Protein backbone atom coordinates (compact mmCIF):
# COMPACT_ATOMS: atom_id res chain seq x y z
CA UNK A 1 1.27 -27.19 -40.36
CA UNK A 2 0.72 -28.52 -36.98
CA UNK A 3 -1.84 -27.75 -34.70
CA UNK A 4 -1.69 -26.73 -31.13
CA UNK A 5 1.84 -25.45 -29.37
CA UNK A 6 5.11 -26.54 -30.45
CA UNK A 7 6.49 -27.45 -27.02
CA UNK A 8 4.00 -30.08 -26.10
CA UNK A 9 2.98 -27.77 -23.26
CA UNK A 10 -0.72 -28.08 -21.63
CA UNK A 11 -3.26 -25.41 -22.25
CA UNK A 12 -2.95 -22.26 -20.16
CA UNK A 13 -5.85 -21.53 -18.03
CA UNK A 14 -6.18 -17.68 -17.60
CA UNK A 15 -7.50 -18.11 -13.92
CA UNK A 16 -4.64 -20.15 -12.80
CA UNK A 17 -2.06 -16.74 -13.70
CA UNK A 18 -1.35 -14.18 -11.22
CA UNK A 19 1.00 -10.93 -11.01
CA UNK A 20 3.87 -10.13 -8.58
CA UNK A 21 3.50 -6.37 -8.21
CA UNK A 22 7.29 -6.40 -7.47
CA UNK A 23 7.61 -7.45 -11.07
CA UNK A 24 4.48 -6.68 -12.81
CA UNK A 25 6.12 -7.93 -16.11
CA UNK A 26 6.55 -11.77 -14.73
CA UNK A 27 3.81 -13.82 -14.72
CA UNK A 28 3.61 -17.03 -11.93
CA UNK A 29 1.20 -19.76 -12.20
CA UNK A 30 -0.62 -21.06 -8.65
CA UNK A 31 -2.95 -19.50 -6.02
CA UNK A 32 -2.61 -16.07 -4.64
CA UNK A 33 -1.85 -16.20 -0.80
CA UNK A 34 -4.32 -14.78 1.34
CA UNK A 35 -3.43 -11.89 3.25
CA UNK A 36 -4.45 -11.49 6.70
CA UNK A 37 -3.93 -9.06 9.48
CA UNK A 38 -1.05 -10.96 10.83
CA UNK A 39 0.76 -10.12 7.84
CA UNK A 40 0.72 -6.52 8.79
CA UNK A 41 1.97 -7.33 12.42
CA UNK A 42 5.27 -5.19 11.83
CA UNK A 43 3.19 -2.15 11.36
CA UNK A 44 0.90 -2.28 14.19
CA UNK A 45 3.05 -0.12 16.81
CA UNK A 46 3.98 2.34 13.87
CA UNK A 47 2.29 5.67 15.25
CA UNK A 48 0.27 8.05 13.19
CA UNK A 49 -1.32 11.04 13.73
CA UNK A 50 -5.15 11.35 12.66
CA UNK A 51 -7.00 14.59 12.83
CA UNK A 52 -10.45 14.98 12.27
CA UNK A 53 -11.07 18.75 10.93
CA UNK A 54 -14.50 20.44 11.71
CA UNK A 55 -13.77 23.44 9.27
CA UNK A 56 -11.45 26.29 9.21
CA UNK A 57 -11.78 29.83 9.47
CA UNK A 58 -8.97 33.05 8.43
CA UNK A 59 -8.89 35.55 10.95
CA UNK A 60 -6.38 38.79 12.23
CA UNK A 61 -3.73 38.00 14.59
CA UNK A 62 -5.23 41.04 16.17
CA UNK A 63 -8.96 39.75 16.15
CA UNK A 64 -7.33 36.32 17.17
CA UNK A 65 -6.10 37.80 20.53
CA UNK A 66 -9.24 39.28 21.53
CA UNK A 67 -11.30 36.09 21.47
CA UNK A 68 -12.53 35.23 25.20
CA UNK A 69 -14.03 32.03 26.37
CA UNK A 70 -17.39 31.49 25.08
CA UNK A 71 -16.72 33.26 21.76
CA UNK A 72 -17.92 32.09 18.35
CA UNK A 73 -16.01 31.65 15.65
CA UNK A 74 -17.68 31.04 12.16
CA UNK A 75 -15.92 28.35 10.33
CA UNK A 76 -16.22 27.74 6.47
CA UNK A 77 -18.47 24.41 6.88
CA UNK A 78 -22.26 24.27 7.31
CA UNK A 79 -23.81 21.99 10.07
CA UNK A 80 -24.41 18.81 9.12
CA UNK A 81 -21.37 18.83 6.51
CA UNK A 82 -18.80 16.24 6.31
CA UNK A 83 -15.77 16.75 8.19
CA UNK A 84 -12.06 15.70 6.77
CA UNK A 85 -10.22 13.28 8.59
CA UNK A 86 -6.53 13.45 7.92
CA UNK A 87 -4.22 10.60 8.18
CA UNK A 88 -0.62 11.94 8.92
CA UNK A 89 -1.61 15.11 7.18
CA UNK A 90 -3.17 13.15 4.45
CA UNK A 91 -6.49 13.56 3.15
CA UNK A 92 -8.28 9.53 3.84
CA UNK A 93 -11.89 10.10 4.52
CA UNK A 94 -14.80 12.44 5.16
CA UNK A 95 -17.51 11.74 8.15
CA UNK A 96 -19.62 12.86 10.44
CA UNK A 97 -19.16 13.81 14.19
CA UNK A 98 -21.24 11.29 16.54
CA UNK A 99 -21.49 11.17 20.52
CA UNK A 100 -20.57 8.06 21.96
CA UNK A 101 -21.67 8.03 25.57
CA UNK A 102 -20.31 11.19 26.76
CA UNK A 103 -17.40 11.91 24.22
CA UNK A 104 -17.34 12.89 20.96
CA UNK A 105 -16.14 10.80 18.15
CA UNK A 106 -16.15 10.43 14.04
CA UNK A 107 -17.46 8.01 11.82
CA UNK A 108 -16.14 7.43 8.63
CA UNK A 109 -18.63 8.15 5.46
CA UNK A 110 -16.36 8.23 2.84
CA UNK A 111 -13.13 7.03 1.70
CA UNK A 112 -10.90 9.26 -0.51
CA UNK A 113 -8.84 7.15 -2.84
CA UNK A 114 -5.57 8.33 -3.06
CA UNK A 115 -3.78 9.70 -6.71
CA UNK A 116 -0.63 8.04 -6.75
């Protein structure tokens, strides 16, 4: 009986292994390239729609037509409760409304992990 491997290969260091996302069953050795923002340059100009939803309300069309300027429409959220942030109609985060100079803004307080 011989000790070691039969192919006379150097010992394998697990830290040197990384897996290709496109072929997860194939291991390759060597360092993993560092990704930077420049690697995503081709998607920088892709338009997306970002929506911050303060809340929602159900109302009959007849009642909606009677709303006048200055009327208050009750929403399903409480003061101080997080708002939903959507990107292309997909919930991606929750946040809070903030005032920046004389404009309203949103700060993200929680990132929603997508279930895939």
